[in-house]
Amino acid sequence: MTVEAVLALAATVNPADITTAAIAEHMQLTQGALFRHFPTKEALWDAVMQWVAEHLLACIDRAPAEHDGPLEALRAMFMSHVDFVVAHPGVPRMLFSELQRASPSPAKKRARALLAAYGARLSSRIERGQASGVITRHVDAHAAATLFIGTVQGLVMQALLSGDLRRIRRDAPAVFDIYQRGVMEQR
């Protein structure tokens, strides 16, 4: 419940400005009750990043299950990530806020681990597509995975700047089509 409260607040408030008092008030608890579960704000932020990592990775892991082809699986992962962001608008704000911190923190370390795990999953999927001849062997799998994640992040940034997170769903299919043309084996 606490993680959900933080993400709900982060959807409308700069995460750096969210106080434990605001979280407790949002949950209709005392700060003392909040600190019984999380000894510090840093521990709470780490729990939020853990939730994000677990849920986002589970979401992208489930996405390709119903798709036979490598490109269809990548599209499903892409759209699943987009849907996750739209369903949890506080998540990208938390991630971007945490990654901007100059100092290391457990939450920032967890966010980096999330990106590494996500990239590894994508690289593996891309390499399988290369082995099947659908994705060109001329594409560096790691670079293609980085571009994939960066493309979603770019859509998110533009949507946040416009103030319309639903814009991501509208723009994502055409953007993925461009990505797909870049990695496809040309026949």
N, C-alpha and C. Protein backbone atom coordinates (compact mmCIF):
# COMPACT_ATOMS: atom_id res chain seq x y z
N MET A 1 0.82 -1.20 0.00
CA MET A 1 0.00 0.00 0.00
C MET A 1 0.86 1.26 0.00
N THR A 2 1.98 1.19 0.68
CA THR A 2 2.85 2.37 0.75
C THR A 2 3.46 2.67 -0.60
N VAL A 3 3.89 1.63 -1.30
CA VAL A 3 4.46 1.81 -2.64
C VAL A 3 3.42 2.41 -3.56
N GLU A 4 2.20 1.90 -3.50
CA GLU A 4 1.12 2.45 -4.32
C GLU A 4 0.87 3.91 -3.99
N ALA A 5 0.95 4.27 -2.74
CA ALA A 5 0.75 5.66 -2.33
C ALA A 5 1.85 6.55 -2.91
N VAL A 6 3.08 6.09 -2.84
CA VAL A 6 4.20 6.87 -3.39
C VAL A 6 4.02 7.05 -4.89
N LEU A 7 3.67 5.98 -5.59
CA LEU A 7 3.49 6.07 -7.04
C LEU A 7 2.31 6.97 -7.40
N ALA A 8 1.25 6.92 -6.61
CA ALA A 8 0.11 7.81 -6.86
C ALA A 8 0.52 9.27 -6.68
N LEU A 9 1.27 9.55 -5.64
CA LEU A 9 1.74 10.92 -5.42
C LEU A 9 2.72 11.34 -6.52
N ALA A 10 3.60 10.43 -6.93
CA ALA A 10 4.60 10.76 -7.94
C ALA A 10 3.97 11.05 -9.30
N ALA A 11 2.75 10.60 -9.51
CA ALA A 11 2.06 10.88 -10.77
C ALA A 11 1.74 12.37 -10.92
N THR A 12 1.66 13.08 -9.79
CA THR A 12 1.29 14.49 -9.85
C THR A 12 2.26 15.44 -9.14
N VAL A 13 3.19 14.86 -8.38
CA VAL A 13 4.14 15.67 -7.60
C VAL A 13 5.55 15.23 -7.95
N ASN A 14 6.46 16.18 -8.03
CA ASN A 14 7.86 15.85 -8.25
C ASN A 14 8.30 14.89 -7.14
N PRO A 15 8.81 13.71 -7.49
CA PRO A 15 9.19 12.74 -6.45
C PRO A 15 10.17 13.31 -5.42
N ALA A 16 11.03 14.22 -5.82
CA ALA A 16 11.98 14.82 -4.88
C ALA A 16 11.26 15.65 -3.81
N ASP A 17 10.04 16.08 -4.12
CA ASP A 17 9.27 16.90 -3.19
C ASP A 17 8.30 16.10 -2.33
N ILE A 18 8.22 14.80 -2.55
CA ILE A 18 7.30 13.98 -1.76
C ILE A 18 7.92 13.73 -0.39
N THR A 19 7.21 14.11 0.64
CA THR A 19 7.70 13.93 2.00
C THR A 19 7.03 12.70 2.64
N THR A 20 7.65 12.20 3.67
CA THR A 20 7.02 11.09 4.39
C THR A 20 5.71 11.55 5.03
N ALA A 21 5.64 12.81 5.39
CA ALA A 21 4.39 13.34 5.94
C ALA A 21 3.27 13.29 4.89
N ALA A 22 3.60 13.64 3.64
CA ALA A 22 2.61 13.59 2.56
C ALA A 22 2.17 12.15 2.28
N ILE A 23 3.12 11.24 2.33
CA ILE A 23 2.80 9.83 2.11
C ILE A 23 1.87 9.33 3.22
N ALA A 24 2.23 9.62 4.44
CA ALA A 24 1.41 9.19 5.58
C ALA A 24 0.01 9.80 5.48
N GLU A 25 -0.07 11.07 5.13
CA GLU A 25 -1.38 11.73 5.00
C GLU A 25 -2.19 11.07 3.88
N HIS A 26 -1.55 10.78 2.76
CA HIS A 26 -2.23 10.13 1.64
C HIS A 26 -2.79 8.77 2.06
N MET A 27 -2.07 8.09 2.93
CA MET A 27 -2.49 6.76 3.39
C MET A 27 -3.38 6.83 4.63
N GLN A 28 -3.58 8.02 5.13
CA GLN A 28 -4.34 8.25 6.36
C GLN A 28 -3.71 7.49 7.54
N LEU A 29 -2.40 7.65 7.65
CA LEU A 29 -1.60 7.07 8.73
C LEU A 29 -0.79 8.17 9.38
N THR A 30 -0.15 7.81 10.47
CA THR A 30 0.82 8.73 11.07
C THR A 30 2.18 8.44 10.46
N GLN A 31 3.08 9.42 10.54
CA GLN A 31 4.45 9.18 10.07
C GLN A 31 5.08 8.04 10.86
N GLY A 32 4.78 7.96 12.13
CA GLY A 32 5.33 6.89 12.96
C GLY A 32 4.94 5.52 12.43
N ALA A 33 3.70 5.37 11.99
CA ALA A 33 3.24 4.09 11.43
C ALA A 33 4.01 3.78 10.15
N LEU A 34 4.27 4.80 9.36
CA LEU A 34 5.03 4.61 8.12
C LEU A 34 6.46 4.17 8.43
N PHE A 35 7.07 4.81 9.42
CA PHE A 35 8.46 4.48 9.77
C PHE A 35 8.60 3.13 10.46
N ARG A 36 7.51 2.53 10.92
CA ARG A 36 7.59 1.17 11.47
C ARG A 36 7.90 0.16 10.35
N HIS A 37 7.48 0.49 9.14
CA HIS A 37 7.71 -0.41 8.00
C HIS A 37 8.94 -0.02 7.19
N PHE A 38 9.24 1.27 7.18
CA PHE A 38 10.39 1.77 6.41
C PHE A 38 11.17 2.71 7.33
N PRO A 39 12.36 2.29 7.76
CA PRO A 39 13.10 3.09 8.73
C PRO A 39 13.55 4.46 8.21
N THR A 40 13.68 4.57 6.86
CA THR A 40 14.09 5.84 6.27
C THR A 40 13.35 6.05 4.96
N LYS A 41 13.37 7.27 4.49
CA LYS A 41 12.77 7.57 3.18
C LYS A 41 13.55 6.83 2.09
N GLU A 42 14.85 6.72 2.26
CA GLU A 42 15.68 6.01 1.30
C GLU A 42 15.25 4.53 1.19
N ALA A 43 14.92 3.92 2.31
CA ALA A 43 14.44 2.53 2.30
C ALA A 43 13.10 2.43 1.58
N LEU A 44 12.27 3.43 1.75
CA LEU A 44 10.98 3.45 1.05
C LEU A 44 11.18 3.58 -0.45
N TRP A 45 12.06 4.48 -0.87
CA TRP A 45 12.33 4.66 -2.29
C TRP A 45 12.89 3.36 -2.89
N ASP A 46 13.73 2.67 -2.14
CA ASP A 46 14.26 1.39 -2.60
C ASP A 46 13.13 0.38 -2.78
N ALA A 47 12.19 0.37 -1.86
CA ALA A 47 11.03 -0.54 -1.98
C ALA A 47 10.20 -0.20 -3.21
N VAL A 48 10.07 1.08 -3.50
CA VAL A 48 9.33 1.49 -4.70
C VAL A 48 10.05 0.97 -5.95
N MET A 49 11.36 1.16 -6.00
CA MET A 49 12.12 0.69 -7.16
C MET A 49 12.09 -0.84 -7.28
N GLN A 50 12.07 -1.52 -6.15
CA GLN A 50 11.96 -2.98 -6.18
C GLN A 50 10.61 -3.39 -6.78
N TRP A 51 9.54 -2.72 -6.36
CA TRP A 51 8.21 -3.00 -6.90
C TRP A 51 8.19 -2.74 -8.41
N VAL A 52 8.75 -1.60 -8.83
CA VAL A 52 8.78 -1.25 -10.25
C VAL A 52 9.53 -2.33 -11.03
N ALA A 53 10.70 -2.70 -10.54
CA ALA A 53 11.51 -3.71 -11.24
C ALA A 53 10.75 -5.03 -11.37
N GLU A 54 10.20 -5.50 -10.28
CA GLU A 54 9.48 -6.78 -10.31
C GLU A 54 8.29 -6.73 -11.25
N HIS A 55 7.50 -5.68 -11.17
CA HIS A 55 6.28 -5.61 -11.97
C HIS A 55 6.54 -5.31 -13.45
N LEU A 56 7.49 -4.44 -13.74
CA LEU A 56 7.79 -4.15 -15.14
C LEU A 56 8.40 -5.38 -15.81
N LEU A 57 9.36 -6.02 -15.15
CA LEU A 57 9.98 -7.21 -15.75
C LEU A 57 8.96 -8.34 -15.92
N ALA A 58 8.08 -8.51 -14.96
CA ALA A 58 7.04 -9.54 -15.09
C ALA A 58 6.12 -9.21 -16.27
N CYS A 59 5.83 -7.95 -16.44
CA CYS A 59 4.97 -7.50 -17.53
C CYS A 59 5.62 -7.79 -18.89
N ILE A 60 6.88 -7.45 -19.04
CA ILE A 60 7.53 -7.70 -20.34
C ILE A 60 7.85 -9.18 -20.54
N ASP A 61 7.98 -9.92 -19.45
CA ASP A 61 8.20 -11.37 -19.58
C ASP A 61 6.93 -12.08 -20.06
N ARG A 62 5.77 -11.60 -19.63
CA ARG A 62 4.49 -12.21 -20.05
C ARG A 62 4.12 -11.83 -21.47
N ALA A 63 4.52 -10.66 -21.91
CA ALA A 63 4.05 -10.09 -23.17
C ALA A 63 4.26 -10.99 -24.39
N PRO A 64 5.42 -11.58 -24.59
CA PRO A 64 5.62 -12.34 -25.82
C PRO A 64 5.03 -13.75 -25.82
N ALA A 65 4.40 -14.16 -24.74
CA ALA A 65 3.93 -15.54 -24.61
C ALA A 65 3.00 -15.97 -25.74
N GLU A 66 2.18 -15.08 -26.23
CA GLU A 66 1.19 -15.44 -27.25
C GLU A 66 1.67 -15.15 -28.67
N HIS A 67 2.94 -14.83 -28.83
CA HIS A 67 3.45 -14.43 -30.14
C HIS A 67 4.57 -15.37 -30.58
N ASP A 68 4.43 -15.90 -31.77
CA ASP A 68 5.40 -16.86 -32.28
C ASP A 68 6.66 -16.20 -32.82
N GLY A 69 6.49 -15.16 -33.59
CA GLY A 69 7.64 -14.55 -34.25
C GLY A 69 8.41 -13.60 -33.36
N PRO A 70 9.71 -13.46 -33.63
CA PRO A 70 10.56 -12.56 -32.82
C PRO A 70 10.12 -11.10 -32.85
N LEU A 71 9.73 -10.61 -34.02
CA LEU A 71 9.32 -9.22 -34.12
C LEU A 71 7.97 -8.99 -33.43
N GLU A 72 7.08 -9.96 -33.54
CA GLU A 72 5.79 -9.85 -32.85
C GLU A 72 6.01 -9.86 -31.34
N ALA A 73 6.95 -10.68 -30.88
CA ALA A 73 7.28 -10.74 -29.45
C ALA A 73 7.86 -9.41 -28.99
N LEU A 74 8.76 -8.83 -29.78
CA LEU A 74 9.34 -7.53 -29.41
C LEU A 74 8.26 -6.45 -29.40
N ARG A 75 7.36 -6.48 -30.37
CA ARG A 75 6.26 -5.50 -30.39
C ARG A 75 5.40 -5.65 -29.13
N ALA A 76 5.10 -6.88 -28.77
CA ALA A 76 4.29 -7.12 -27.57
C ALA A 76 4.99 -6.60 -26.32
N MET A 77 6.31 -6.78 -26.25
CA MET A 77 7.08 -6.27 -25.11
C MET A 77 7.05 -4.74 -25.09
N PHE A 78 7.21 -4.15 -26.26
CA PHE A 78 7.21 -2.69 -26.39
C PHE A 78 5.87 -2.13 -25.93
N MET A 79 4.79 -2.68 -26.45
CA MET A 79 3.45 -2.19 -26.10
C MET A 79 3.11 -2.49 -24.64
N SER A 80 3.62 -3.60 -24.13
CA SER A 80 3.40 -3.93 -22.73
C SER A 80 4.08 -2.89 -21.83
N HIS A 81 5.28 -2.50 -22.20
CA HIS A 81 6.00 -1.47 -21.44
C HIS A 81 5.21 -0.15 -21.49
N VAL A 82 4.73 0.20 -22.67
CA VAL A 82 3.92 1.41 -22.83
C VAL A 82 2.68 1.34 -21.95
N ASP A 83 1.98 0.22 -21.98
CA ASP A 83 0.77 0.07 -21.17
C ASP A 83 1.08 0.17 -19.68
N PHE A 84 2.23 -0.39 -19.27
CA PHE A 84 2.65 -0.31 -17.87
C PHE A 84 2.82 1.14 -17.43
N VAL A 85 3.46 1.93 -18.29
CA VAL A 85 3.70 3.34 -17.97
C VAL A 85 2.39 4.10 -17.88
N VAL A 86 1.50 3.84 -18.82
CA VAL A 86 0.21 4.55 -18.80
C VAL A 86 -0.59 4.15 -17.56
N ALA A 87 -0.52 2.89 -17.17
CA ALA A 87 -1.24 2.43 -15.99
C ALA A 87 -0.62 2.93 -14.69
N HIS A 88 0.68 3.22 -14.71
CA HIS A 88 1.41 3.65 -13.51
C HIS A 88 2.21 4.93 -13.84
N PRO A 89 1.54 6.07 -13.99
CA PRO A 89 2.23 7.29 -14.43
C PRO A 89 3.28 7.80 -13.45
N GLY A 90 3.24 7.37 -12.21
CA GLY A 90 4.26 7.79 -11.26
C GLY A 90 5.59 7.08 -11.47
N VAL A 91 5.56 5.94 -12.14
CA VAL A 91 6.78 5.14 -12.32
C VAL A 91 7.86 5.88 -13.10
N PRO A 92 7.58 6.40 -14.29
CA PRO A 92 8.67 7.07 -15.01
C PRO A 92 9.18 8.31 -14.27
N ARG A 93 8.30 8.98 -13.58
CA ARG A 93 8.74 10.16 -12.83
C ARG A 93 9.68 9.74 -11.69
N MET A 94 9.37 8.62 -11.04
CA MET A 94 10.25 8.10 -9.98
C MET A 94 11.60 7.68 -10.57
N LEU A 95 11.55 6.94 -11.68
CA LEU A 95 12.80 6.47 -12.30
C LEU A 95 13.67 7.64 -12.74
N PHE A 96 13.08 8.58 -13.46
CA PHE A 96 13.86 9.72 -13.94
C PHE A 96 14.40 10.54 -12.77
N SER A 97 13.62 10.70 -11.74
CA SER A 97 14.06 11.44 -10.56
C SER A 97 15.24 10.74 -9.90
N GLU A 98 15.12 9.45 -9.75
CA GLU A 98 16.18 8.68 -9.07
C GLU A 98 17.46 8.66 -9.90
N LEU A 99 17.32 8.53 -11.21
CA LEU A 99 18.51 8.47 -12.06
C LEU A 99 19.21 9.82 -12.16
N GLN A 100 18.51 10.91 -11.83
CA GLN A 100 19.13 12.23 -11.86
C GLN A 100 19.98 12.52 -10.63
N ARG A 101 19.77 11.73 -9.58
CA ARG A 101 20.54 11.97 -8.36
C ARG A 101 22.02 11.75 -8.64
N ALA A 102 22.83 12.68 -8.19
CA ALA A 102 24.27 12.56 -8.39
C ALA A 102 24.88 11.49 -7.50
N SER A 103 24.33 11.36 -6.32
CA SER A 103 24.90 10.40 -5.36
C SER A 103 24.27 9.02 -5.55
N PRO A 104 25.02 7.99 -5.22
CA PRO A 104 24.45 6.63 -5.31
C PRO A 104 23.44 6.42 -4.18
N SER A 105 22.47 5.57 -4.45
CA SER A 105 21.49 5.21 -3.44
C SER A 105 21.03 3.79 -3.74
N PRO A 106 20.46 3.11 -2.78
CA PRO A 106 19.93 1.76 -3.06
C PRO A 106 18.89 1.78 -4.18
N ALA A 107 18.04 2.81 -4.22
CA ALA A 107 17.01 2.89 -5.26
C ALA A 107 17.64 3.10 -6.64
N LYS A 108 18.67 3.93 -6.70
CA LYS A 108 19.35 4.17 -7.98
C LYS A 108 20.05 2.89 -8.44
N LYS A 109 20.66 2.19 -7.51
CA LYS A 109 21.31 0.92 -7.84
C LYS A 109 20.28 -0.08 -8.37
N ARG A 110 19.12 -0.11 -7.75
CA ARG A 110 18.05 -1.02 -8.20
C ARG A 110 17.53 -0.62 -9.58
N ALA A 111 17.42 0.69 -9.84
CA ALA A 111 16.98 1.17 -11.15
C ALA A 111 17.98 0.77 -12.23
N ARG A 112 19.26 0.89 -11.92
CA ARG A 112 20.30 0.45 -12.87
C ARG A 112 20.21 -1.05 -13.12
N ALA A 113 19.97 -1.82 -12.07
CA ALA A 113 19.84 -3.27 -12.21
C ALA A 113 18.62 -3.61 -13.07
N LEU A 114 17.54 -2.85 -12.90
CA LEU A 114 16.34 -3.05 -13.72
C LEU A 114 16.69 -2.85 -15.19
N LEU A 115 17.35 -1.76 -15.50
CA LEU A 115 17.72 -1.49 -16.90
C LEU A 115 18.63 -2.58 -17.45
N ALA A 116 19.56 -3.06 -16.65
CA ALA A 116 20.46 -4.13 -17.09
C ALA A 116 19.69 -5.42 -17.35
N ALA A 117 18.78 -5.78 -16.45
CA ALA A 117 17.99 -7.01 -16.62
C ALA A 117 17.07 -6.90 -17.83
N TYR A 118 16.47 -5.75 -18.00
CA TYR A 118 15.59 -5.51 -19.14
C TYR A 118 16.40 -5.62 -20.43
N GLY A 119 17.55 -4.96 -20.46
CA GLY A 119 18.41 -5.01 -21.64
C GLY A 119 18.86 -6.43 -21.97
N ALA A 120 19.18 -7.21 -20.95
CA ALA A 120 19.60 -8.60 -21.18
C ALA A 120 18.46 -9.42 -21.77
N ARG A 121 17.25 -9.21 -21.29
CA ARG A 121 16.10 -9.93 -21.84
C ARG A 121 15.90 -9.57 -23.31
N LEU A 122 16.01 -8.28 -23.61
CA LEU A 122 15.83 -7.83 -24.98
C LEU A 122 16.95 -8.36 -25.89
N SER A 123 18.19 -8.29 -25.41
CA SER A 123 19.32 -8.80 -26.21
C SER A 123 19.12 -10.26 -26.56
N SER A 124 18.70 -11.03 -25.58
CA SER A 124 18.46 -12.46 -25.81
C SER A 124 17.36 -12.66 -26.84
N ARG A 125 16.30 -11.90 -26.73
CA ARG A 125 15.18 -12.00 -27.68
C ARG A 125 15.65 -11.62 -29.09
N ILE A 126 16.46 -10.58 -29.18
CA ILE A 126 16.99 -10.12 -30.47
C ILE A 126 17.92 -11.17 -31.06
N GLU A 127 18.77 -11.76 -30.24
CA GLU A 127 19.68 -12.81 -30.72
C GLU A 127 18.90 -14.02 -31.24
N ARG A 128 17.80 -14.36 -30.58
CA ARG A 128 16.96 -15.46 -31.08
C ARG A 128 16.36 -15.10 -32.43
N GLY A 129 15.98 -13.84 -32.57
CA GLY A 129 15.46 -13.37 -33.86
C GLY A 129 16.52 -13.41 -34.95
N GLN A 130 17.76 -13.13 -34.57
CA GLN A 130 18.85 -13.23 -35.54
C GLN A 130 19.09 -14.68 -35.94
N ALA A 131 19.04 -15.57 -34.97
CA ALA A 131 19.25 -17.00 -35.25
C ALA A 131 18.17 -17.55 -36.17
N SER A 132 16.97 -16.99 -36.08
CA SER A 132 15.87 -17.46 -36.93
C SER A 132 15.87 -16.78 -38.30
N GLY A 133 16.73 -15.79 -38.48
CA GLY A 133 16.82 -15.11 -39.77
C GLY A 133 15.83 -13.97 -39.96
N VAL A 134 15.08 -13.63 -38.93
CA VAL A 134 14.09 -12.56 -39.03
C VAL A 134 14.73 -11.20 -38.73
N ILE A 135 15.66 -11.20 -37.79
CA ILE A 135 16.39 -9.98 -37.43
C ILE A 135 17.78 -10.09 -38.04
N THR A 136 18.21 -9.01 -38.68
CA THR A 136 19.49 -9.03 -39.37
C THR A 136 20.66 -9.29 -38.41
N ARG A 137 21.60 -10.05 -38.88
CA ARG A 137 22.81 -10.33 -38.10
C ARG A 137 23.72 -9.10 -38.03
N HIS A 138 23.44 -8.10 -38.85
CA HIS A 138 24.26 -6.89 -38.88
C HIS A 138 23.93 -5.93 -37.73
N VAL A 139 22.91 -6.26 -36.97
CA VAL A 139 22.51 -5.43 -35.84
C VAL A 139 23.19 -5.93 -34.57
N ASP A 140 23.79 -5.03 -33.84
CA ASP A 140 24.37 -5.37 -32.54
C ASP A 140 23.21 -5.53 -31.55
N ALA A 141 23.04 -6.70 -30.99
CA ALA A 141 21.90 -7.00 -30.12
C ALA A 141 21.86 -6.06 -28.91
N HIS A 142 23.00 -5.79 -28.32
CA HIS A 142 23.03 -4.89 -27.15
C HIS A 142 22.60 -3.48 -27.56
N ALA A 143 23.11 -3.00 -28.68
CA ALA A 143 22.74 -1.66 -29.14
C ALA A 143 21.25 -1.60 -29.49
N ALA A 144 20.73 -2.66 -30.10
CA ALA A 144 19.31 -2.70 -30.45
C ALA A 144 18.44 -2.71 -29.19
N ALA A 145 18.90 -3.40 -28.15
CA ALA A 145 18.17 -3.42 -26.87
C ALA A 145 18.20 -2.03 -26.24
N THR A 146 19.35 -1.37 -26.28
CA THR A 146 19.47 -0.02 -25.74
C THR A 146 18.54 0.94 -26.49
N LEU A 147 18.49 0.83 -27.80
CA LEU A 147 17.62 1.67 -28.61
C LEU A 147 16.15 1.40 -28.28
N PHE A 148 15.79 0.15 -28.09
CA PHE A 148 14.42 -0.23 -27.75
C PHE A 148 13.99 0.47 -26.46
N ILE A 149 14.79 0.34 -25.42
CA ILE A 149 14.46 0.96 -24.13
C ILE A 149 14.47 2.48 -24.25
N GLY A 150 15.47 3.00 -24.94
CA GLY A 150 15.56 4.45 -25.13
C GLY A 150 14.39 5.01 -25.92
N THR A 151 13.86 4.22 -26.84
CA THR A 151 12.70 4.66 -27.62
C THR A 151 11.47 4.79 -26.72
N VAL A 152 11.27 3.81 -25.85
CA VAL A 152 10.15 3.92 -24.90
C VAL A 152 10.37 5.13 -24.00
N GLN A 153 11.59 5.30 -23.51
CA GLN A 153 11.88 6.44 -22.64
C GLN A 153 11.64 7.76 -23.35
N GLY A 154 11.98 7.82 -24.63
CA GLY A 154 11.74 9.04 -25.41
C GLY A 154 10.25 9.34 -25.53
N LEU A 155 9.47 8.30 -25.80
CA LEU A 155 8.01 8.47 -25.85
C LEU A 155 7.47 8.97 -24.51
N VAL A 156 8.00 8.40 -23.44
CA VAL A 156 7.56 8.79 -22.10
C VAL A 156 7.91 10.26 -21.84
N MET A 157 9.14 10.65 -22.16
CA MET A 157 9.56 12.04 -21.93
C MET A 157 8.67 13.01 -22.70
N GLN A 158 8.40 12.70 -23.97
CA GLN A 158 7.55 13.59 -24.77
C GLN A 158 6.14 13.66 -24.19
N ALA A 159 5.62 12.54 -23.74
CA ALA A 159 4.28 12.53 -23.16
C ALA A 159 4.25 13.32 -21.85
N LEU A 160 5.29 13.16 -21.03
CA LEU A 160 5.34 13.92 -19.77
C LEU A 160 5.43 15.42 -20.06
N LEU A 161 6.21 15.79 -21.06
CA LEU A 161 6.33 17.21 -21.41
C LEU A 161 5.02 17.77 -21.94
N SER A 162 4.28 16.95 -22.68
CA SER A 162 3.00 17.41 -23.23
C SER A 162 1.89 17.39 -22.19
N GLY A 163 2.10 16.65 -21.10
CA GLY A 163 1.08 16.52 -20.07
C GLY A 163 0.00 15.50 -20.41
N ASP A 164 0.25 14.68 -21.43
CA ASP A 164 -0.74 13.70 -21.87
C ASP A 164 -0.06 12.34 -22.01
N LEU A 165 -0.10 11.55 -20.93
CA LEU A 165 0.56 10.24 -20.95
C LEU A 165 -0.11 9.27 -21.92
N ARG A 166 -1.39 9.46 -22.20
CA ARG A 166 -2.07 8.58 -23.15
C ARG A 166 -1.50 8.72 -24.55
N ARG A 167 -0.80 9.81 -24.81
CA ARG A 167 -0.17 10.05 -26.10
C ARG A 167 0.79 8.91 -26.46
N ILE A 168 1.38 8.30 -25.45
CA ILE A 168 2.33 7.22 -25.70
C ILE A 168 1.65 6.09 -26.47
N ARG A 169 0.46 5.70 -26.04
CA ARG A 169 -0.26 4.62 -26.72
C ARG A 169 -0.55 4.97 -28.17
N ARG A 170 -0.86 6.21 -28.41
CA ARG A 170 -1.17 6.65 -29.78
C ARG A 170 0.07 6.63 -30.66
N ASP A 171 1.21 7.06 -30.13
CA ASP A 171 2.43 7.17 -30.93
C ASP A 171 3.24 5.89 -31.01
N ALA A 172 3.11 5.02 -30.02
CA ALA A 172 3.97 3.83 -29.92
C ALA A 172 3.93 2.90 -31.13
N PRO A 173 2.77 2.57 -31.69
CA PRO A 173 2.78 1.62 -32.82
C PRO A 173 3.61 2.11 -34.01
N ALA A 174 3.46 3.36 -34.39
CA ALA A 174 4.22 3.88 -35.52
C ALA A 174 5.71 3.96 -35.20
N VAL A 175 6.03 4.32 -33.97
CA VAL A 175 7.43 4.39 -33.56
C VAL A 175 8.06 2.99 -33.59
N PHE A 176 7.32 2.00 -33.09
CA PHE A 176 7.85 0.64 -33.13
C PHE A 176 8.03 0.16 -34.57
N ASP A 177 7.14 0.56 -35.48
CA ASP A 177 7.30 0.17 -36.89
C ASP A 177 8.65 0.63 -37.43
N ILE A 178 9.07 1.83 -37.07
CA ILE A 178 10.37 2.36 -37.50
C ILE A 178 11.49 1.53 -36.89
N TYR A 179 11.39 1.24 -35.61
CA TYR A 179 12.39 0.39 -34.94
C TYR A 179 12.47 -0.97 -35.64
N GLN A 180 11.33 -1.55 -35.92
CA GLN A 180 11.27 -2.88 -36.54
C GLN A 180 11.96 -2.87 -37.90
N ARG A 181 11.71 -1.83 -38.70
CA ARG A 181 12.36 -1.75 -40.02
C ARG A 181 13.88 -1.68 -39.87
N GLY A 182 14.34 -1.10 -38.80
CA GLY A 182 15.78 -0.99 -38.59
C GLY A 182 16.46 -2.29 -38.21
N VAL A 183 15.72 -3.22 -37.61
CA VAL A 183 16.34 -4.47 -37.17
C VAL A 183 15.99 -5.66 -38.06
N MET A 184 15.01 -5.51 -38.92
CA MET A 184 14.56 -6.62 -39.76
C MET A 184 15.62 -7.02 -40.79
N GLU A 185 15.64 -8.30 -41.07
CA GLU A 185 16.45 -8.81 -42.18
C GLU A 185 15.76 -8.37 -43.48
N GLN A 186 16.49 -7.72 -44.35
CA GLN A 186 15.92 -7.26 -45.62
C GLN A 186 15.93 -8.39 -46.62
N ARG A 187 14.81 -8.66 -47.21
CA ARG A 187 14.70 -9.77 -48.18
C ARG A 187 14.40 -9.24 -49.55
